[in-house]
N, C-alpha and C. Protein backbone atom coordinates (compact mmCIF):
# COMPACT_ATOMS: atom_id res chain seq x y z
N UNK A 1 13.57 1.24 14.24
CA UNK A 1 12.81 1.03 12.97
C UNK A 1 11.15 1.56 13.49
N UNK A 2 10.97 2.64 13.11
CA UNK A 2 9.65 3.21 12.88
C UNK A 2 8.11 2.74 12.58
N UNK A 3 7.44 2.68 14.09
CA UNK A 3 6.20 2.39 13.80
C UNK A 3 5.41 2.76 12.85
N UNK A 4 4.42 2.52 12.04
CA UNK A 4 3.93 3.39 11.48
C UNK A 4 1.85 2.69 11.29
N UNK A 5 1.04 3.35 11.25
CA UNK A 5 -0.50 2.91 10.73
C UNK A 5 -1.16 3.63 9.61
N UNK A 6 -1.18 2.53 8.59
CA UNK A 6 -1.89 2.85 7.63
C UNK A 6 -3.38 2.97 7.15
N UNK A 7 -3.77 4.49 6.80
CA UNK A 7 -5.06 4.44 6.74
C UNK A 7 -5.91 4.60 5.29
N UNK A 8 -6.38 3.58 4.97
CA UNK A 8 -7.24 3.72 3.77
C UNK A 8 -8.05 4.55 3.41
N UNK A 9 -8.23 5.89 2.71
CA UNK A 9 -9.62 6.37 2.55
C UNK A 9 -10.50 5.50 1.09
N UNK A 10 -11.43 5.91 1.45
CA UNK A 10 -12.75 5.07 0.11
C UNK A 10 -11.90 4.54 -1.00
N UNK A 11 -11.70 3.38 -1.57
CA UNK A 11 -11.39 2.94 -2.44
C UNK A 11 -12.24 3.25 -3.57
N UNK A 12 -11.22 3.73 -4.41
CA UNK A 12 -12.03 4.07 -6.61
C UNK A 12 -11.76 2.64 -7.05
N UNK A 13 -12.42 2.22 -8.23
CA UNK A 13 -12.51 1.65 -9.01
C UNK A 13 -10.80 1.41 -9.16
N UNK A 14 -10.11 2.10 -9.35
CA UNK A 14 -8.41 1.86 -9.62
C UNK A 14 -7.70 2.55 -9.02
N UNK A 15 -8.11 3.47 -8.19
CA UNK A 15 -7.04 3.63 -6.73
C UNK A 15 -7.63 3.48 -5.91
N UNK A 16 -6.28 3.66 -4.60
CA UNK A 16 -6.73 3.91 -2.86
C UNK A 16 -5.68 4.93 -2.65
N UNK A 17 -6.32 6.01 -2.27
CA UNK A 17 -5.18 6.74 -0.98
C UNK A 17 -5.22 5.80 0.04
N UNK A 18 -4.35 6.60 0.30
CA UNK A 18 -3.37 6.15 1.58
C UNK A 18 -2.45 6.59 2.96
N UNK A 19 -3.23 7.30 3.73
CA UNK A 19 -2.56 7.97 4.59
C UNK A 19 -1.73 7.23 5.40
N UNK A 20 -0.25 8.08 5.81
CA UNK A 20 1.04 7.20 6.54
C UNK A 20 1.40 8.03 8.21
N UNK A 21 0.20 7.37 8.98
CA UNK A 21 0.47 8.11 10.19
C UNK A 21 1.85 7.54 11.22
N UNK A 22 2.26 8.56 11.89
CA UNK A 22 3.50 8.16 12.46
C UNK A 22 3.18 8.37 14.27
N UNK A 23 4.13 8.36 14.82
CA UNK A 23 3.90 8.44 16.59
C UNK A 23 5.32 9.03 17.41
N UNK A 24 5.54 10.53 16.90
CA UNK A 24 6.93 11.04 16.67
C UNK A 24 6.39 11.27 19.00
N UNK A 25 5.35 11.50 19.50
CA UNK A 25 5.96 11.53 20.98
C UNK A 25 4.38 10.29 20.93
N UNK A 26 4.82 9.48 22.10
CA UNK A 26 4.13 8.50 22.86
C UNK A 26 2.23 8.96 22.86
N UNK A 27 2.08 8.24 22.09
CA UNK A 27 0.51 8.57 22.25
C UNK A 27 -0.19 9.28 21.45
N UNK A 28 0.84 9.80 20.37
CA UNK A 28 0.35 10.85 19.63
C UNK A 28 0.49 10.56 18.31
N UNK A 29 -0.34 10.80 17.35
CA UNK A 29 -0.28 10.49 15.85
C UNK A 29 -0.78 11.44 14.79
N UNK A 30 0.19 11.34 13.62
CA UNK A 30 0.88 13.07 13.03
C UNK A 30 0.40 11.48 11.64
N UNK A 31 -0.23 12.75 10.46
CA UNK A 31 0.43 12.07 9.44
C UNK A 31 1.38 12.57 8.78
N UNK A 32 2.07 11.71 8.44
CA UNK A 32 3.16 11.97 7.60
C UNK A 32 3.03 12.03 6.03
N UNK A 33 2.47 11.40 5.28
CA UNK A 33 2.54 11.95 4.13
C UNK A 33 1.31 10.88 3.87
N UNK A 34 0.86 11.00 2.41
CA UNK A 34 -0.12 10.41 1.96
C UNK A 34 0.28 9.41 0.48
N UNK A 35 0.00 8.25 0.58
CA UNK A 35 0.52 7.58 -1.15
C UNK A 35 -0.50 6.96 -1.67
N UNK A 36 -0.81 6.46 -3.06
CA UNK A 36 -1.74 5.90 -4.03
C UNK A 36 -0.63 4.73 -4.35
N UNK A 37 -2.24 4.17 -4.35
CA UNK A 37 -2.06 2.41 -5.03
C UNK A 37 -2.78 2.18 -5.42
N UNK A 38 -2.29 2.28 -7.11
CA UNK A 38 -3.05 2.49 -8.38
C UNK A 38 -2.90 0.76 -8.49
N UNK A 39 -4.12 0.32 -9.09
CA UNK A 39 -4.41 -0.79 -9.41
C UNK A 39 -5.81 -1.31 -10.64
N UNK A 40 -5.58 -0.50 -12.03
CA UNK A 40 -6.40 0.08 -12.82
C UNK A 40 -5.94 -1.44 -13.69
N UNK A 41 -7.00 -1.32 -14.59
CA UNK A 41 -6.60 -3.02 -15.61
C UNK A 41 -5.20 -2.30 -16.27
N UNK A 42 -5.06 -1.04 -16.42
CA UNK A 42 -3.47 -1.20 -17.29
C UNK A 42 -2.48 -1.72 -16.19
N UNK A 43 -2.40 -0.88 -15.07
CA UNK A 43 -1.20 -1.20 -13.86
C UNK A 43 -1.49 -2.58 -13.63
N UNK A 44 -2.61 -3.55 -13.61
CA UNK A 44 -2.47 -4.83 -13.49
C UNK A 44 -2.16 -5.59 -14.96
N UNK A 45 -2.51 -5.29 -16.14
CA UNK A 45 -1.94 -5.38 -17.28
C UNK A 45 -0.47 -5.68 -17.14
N UNK A 46 -0.01 -4.46 -16.75
CA UNK A 46 1.76 -4.37 -17.12
C UNK A 46 2.82 -5.23 -16.09
N UNK A 47 2.19 -5.69 -14.84
CA UNK A 47 2.87 -6.87 -14.37
C UNK A 47 2.22 -8.19 -15.19
N UNK A 48 1.31 -8.63 -15.34
CA UNK A 48 0.99 -9.75 -15.86
C UNK A 48 1.82 -9.81 -17.48
N UNK A 49 2.38 -8.62 -18.14
CA UNK A 49 3.13 -8.91 -19.08
C UNK A 49 4.63 -9.10 -18.48
N UNK A 50 5.15 -8.77 -17.33
CA UNK A 50 5.99 -9.05 -16.82
C UNK A 50 6.88 -10.79 -16.04
N UNK A 51 5.23 -11.39 -16.70
CA UNK A 51 4.96 -12.65 -16.20
C UNK A 51 4.67 -12.64 -14.84
N UNK A 52 3.78 -12.16 -13.66
CA UNK A 52 3.43 -11.98 -12.72
C UNK A 52 1.58 -12.52 -12.27
N UNK A 53 2.02 -13.91 -12.26
CA UNK A 53 0.51 -14.46 -11.51
C UNK A 53 -0.10 -13.35 -10.45
N UNK A 54 -0.94 -13.90 -10.09
CA UNK A 54 -1.85 -13.33 -9.15
C UNK A 54 -0.80 -12.81 -7.59
N UNK A 55 -0.40 -14.32 -7.29
CA UNK A 55 0.51 -14.00 -5.80
C UNK A 55 1.87 -13.54 -6.06
N UNK A 56 2.23 -13.29 -7.80
CA UNK A 56 3.52 -12.47 -7.58
C UNK A 56 3.28 -10.77 -7.59
N UNK A 57 1.79 -10.55 -8.02
CA UNK A 57 1.36 -9.32 -8.28
C UNK A 57 1.52 -9.24 -7.18
N UNK A 58 0.43 -9.49 -5.59
CA UNK A 58 0.95 -8.74 -4.66
C UNK A 58 1.76 -8.86 -3.67
N UNK A 59 2.64 -9.77 -4.32
CA UNK A 59 3.84 -9.48 -3.59
C UNK A 59 4.63 -8.10 -4.53
N UNK A 60 3.90 -7.47 -5.12
CA UNK A 60 4.99 -6.70 -6.14
C UNK A 60 4.49 -5.59 -5.58
N UNK A 61 3.43 -6.01 -5.15
CA UNK A 61 2.53 -4.88 -4.44
C UNK A 61 2.48 -4.28 -2.75
N UNK A 62 2.65 -5.66 -2.06
CA UNK A 62 3.49 -5.19 -1.07
C UNK A 62 4.96 -4.87 -0.44
N UNK A 63 5.88 -5.42 -2.15
CA UNK A 63 6.82 -4.56 -1.59
C UNK A 63 7.12 -3.19 -2.28
N UNK A 64 6.14 -2.66 -3.17
CA UNK A 64 6.38 -1.53 -3.82
C UNK A 64 5.41 -0.24 -2.92
N UNK A 65 4.74 -0.73 -1.79
CA UNK A 65 3.98 0.16 -1.01
C UNK A 65 5.44 0.19 0.00
N UNK A 66 6.14 -0.98 0.60
CA UNK A 66 6.48 -0.84 1.74
C UNK A 66 8.16 0.09 1.35
N UNK A 67 8.53 0.23 0.00
CA UNK A 67 9.56 1.05 -0.54
C UNK A 67 9.24 2.52 -0.32
N UNK A 68 8.19 2.64 -1.18
CA UNK A 68 7.49 4.00 -1.13
C UNK A 68 6.81 4.77 -0.56
N UNK A 69 6.58 3.91 1.37
CA UNK A 69 6.68 4.62 2.40
C UNK A 69 8.68 4.76 2.73
N UNK A 70 8.92 3.65 2.58
CA UNK A 70 10.29 3.92 3.67
C UNK A 70 11.09 5.05 2.30
N UNK A 71 10.66 5.69 1.38
CA UNK A 71 11.13 6.40 0.71
C UNK A 71 11.00 8.16 1.72
N UNK A 72 9.44 7.63 1.94
CA UNK A 72 8.51 9.37 2.21
C UNK A 72 9.20 9.95 3.83
N UNK A 73 9.39 8.36 4.59
CA UNK A 73 9.26 8.56 5.91
C UNK A 73 11.27 8.59 6.12
N UNK A 74 11.83 8.10 4.97
CA UNK A 74 13.78 7.92 5.20
C UNK A 74 13.94 6.53 6.19
N UNK A 75 13.27 5.44 6.31
CA UNK A 75 13.85 4.37 7.06
C UNK A 75 13.04 3.06 7.26
N UNK A 76 13.33 2.41 7.04
CA UNK A 76 12.30 1.34 7.52
C UNK A 76 11.60 0.99 8.63
N UNK A 77 10.52 0.65 8.22
CA UNK A 77 9.28 0.68 9.13
C UNK A 77 8.53 -0.57 9.53
N UNK A 78 7.81 -0.60 10.37
CA UNK A 78 6.64 -2.20 10.35
C UNK A 78 5.60 -0.92 10.91
N UNK A 79 4.63 -1.98 10.22
CA UNK A 79 2.90 -1.38 9.85
C UNK A 79 2.69 -1.82 11.51
N UNK A 80 1.47 -1.19 12.29
CA UNK A 80 1.24 -1.58 13.17
C UNK A 80 -0.50 -1.71 13.51
N UNK A 81 -1.12 -1.28 12.35
CA UNK A 81 -2.32 -0.97 12.07
C UNK A 81 -2.50 -0.79 10.59
N UNK A 82 -3.49 -1.80 9.68
CA UNK A 82 -3.94 -1.22 9.08
C UNK A 82 -3.19 -1.86 7.42
N UNK A 83 -2.82 -2.58 7.76
CA UNK A 83 -1.60 -3.58 6.71
C UNK A 83 -2.52 -3.79 6.06
N UNK A 84 -3.29 -4.79 6.65
CA UNK A 84 -4.30 -6.33 6.07
C UNK A 84 -5.62 -5.47 5.38
N UNK A 85 -6.11 -4.09 6.27
CA UNK A 85 -7.24 -3.35 5.15
C UNK A 85 -6.81 -3.01 4.04
N UNK A 86 -5.12 -2.17 3.91
CA UNK A 86 -4.38 -1.71 2.56
C UNK A 86 -4.39 -3.17 1.73
N UNK A 87 -4.31 -4.36 1.88
CA UNK A 87 -3.98 -5.25 0.96
C UNK A 87 -4.66 -6.22 0.72
N UNK A 88 -6.06 -5.88 1.72
CA UNK A 88 -7.56 -6.64 1.12
C UNK A 88 -7.74 -5.88 0.23
N UNK A 89 -8.04 -4.42 0.29
CA UNK A 89 -8.77 -3.80 -0.93
C UNK A 89 -7.33 -4.17 -2.13
N UNK A 90 -6.36 -4.56 -2.38
CA UNK A 90 -5.69 -4.48 -3.75
C UNK A 90 -5.70 -6.07 -3.46
N UNK A 91 -6.16 -6.90 -2.96
CA UNK A 91 -6.32 -8.11 -2.68
C UNK A 91 -7.78 -8.25 -3.89
N UNK A 92 -8.79 -7.85 -3.12
CA UNK A 92 -10.17 -7.62 -3.92
C UNK A 92 -10.30 -7.25 -5.33
N UNK A 93 -9.16 -5.80 -5.37
CA UNK A 93 -9.78 -5.12 -6.64
C UNK A 93 -8.74 -5.82 -7.68
N UNK A 94 -7.87 -6.33 -7.67
CA UNK A 94 -6.47 -6.98 -8.72
C UNK A 94 -7.23 -8.45 -9.12
N UNK A 95 -7.72 -9.34 -8.22
CA UNK A 95 -8.46 -10.29 -8.56
C UNK A 95 -8.75 -10.58 -9.62
N UNK A 96 -10.02 -10.06 -9.71
CA UNK A 96 -10.94 -9.48 -10.85
C UNK A 96 -9.92 -10.43 -13.12
N UNK A 97 -8.54 -9.22 -12.70
CA UNK A 97 -7.50 -9.15 -13.35
C UNK A 97 -7.10 -10.92 -13.70
N UNK A 98 -7.32 -11.63 -12.94
CA UNK A 98 -7.02 -12.81 -13.19
C UNK A 98 -7.32 -13.71 -12.95
């Protein structure tokens, strides 16, 4: 299982870009890719139309982030740093829609 670190940029009102960092050599970091997590009113309303409450939406974002990163790095991974930073932004931004 690959260890990665997530580093969010400064969040915007509707999205945040997140750098995905891995450690190919002991102690050395490299950026593998960047992903965008979108949480605009429209994005959240689509989840609500699908019947998701606040907790369900958070679960959806967690799974989506995991799967998008997995797609880009081509393997299962675990986050050693930054997960709470990213999910904290998501929690804060989507709570206004619930």
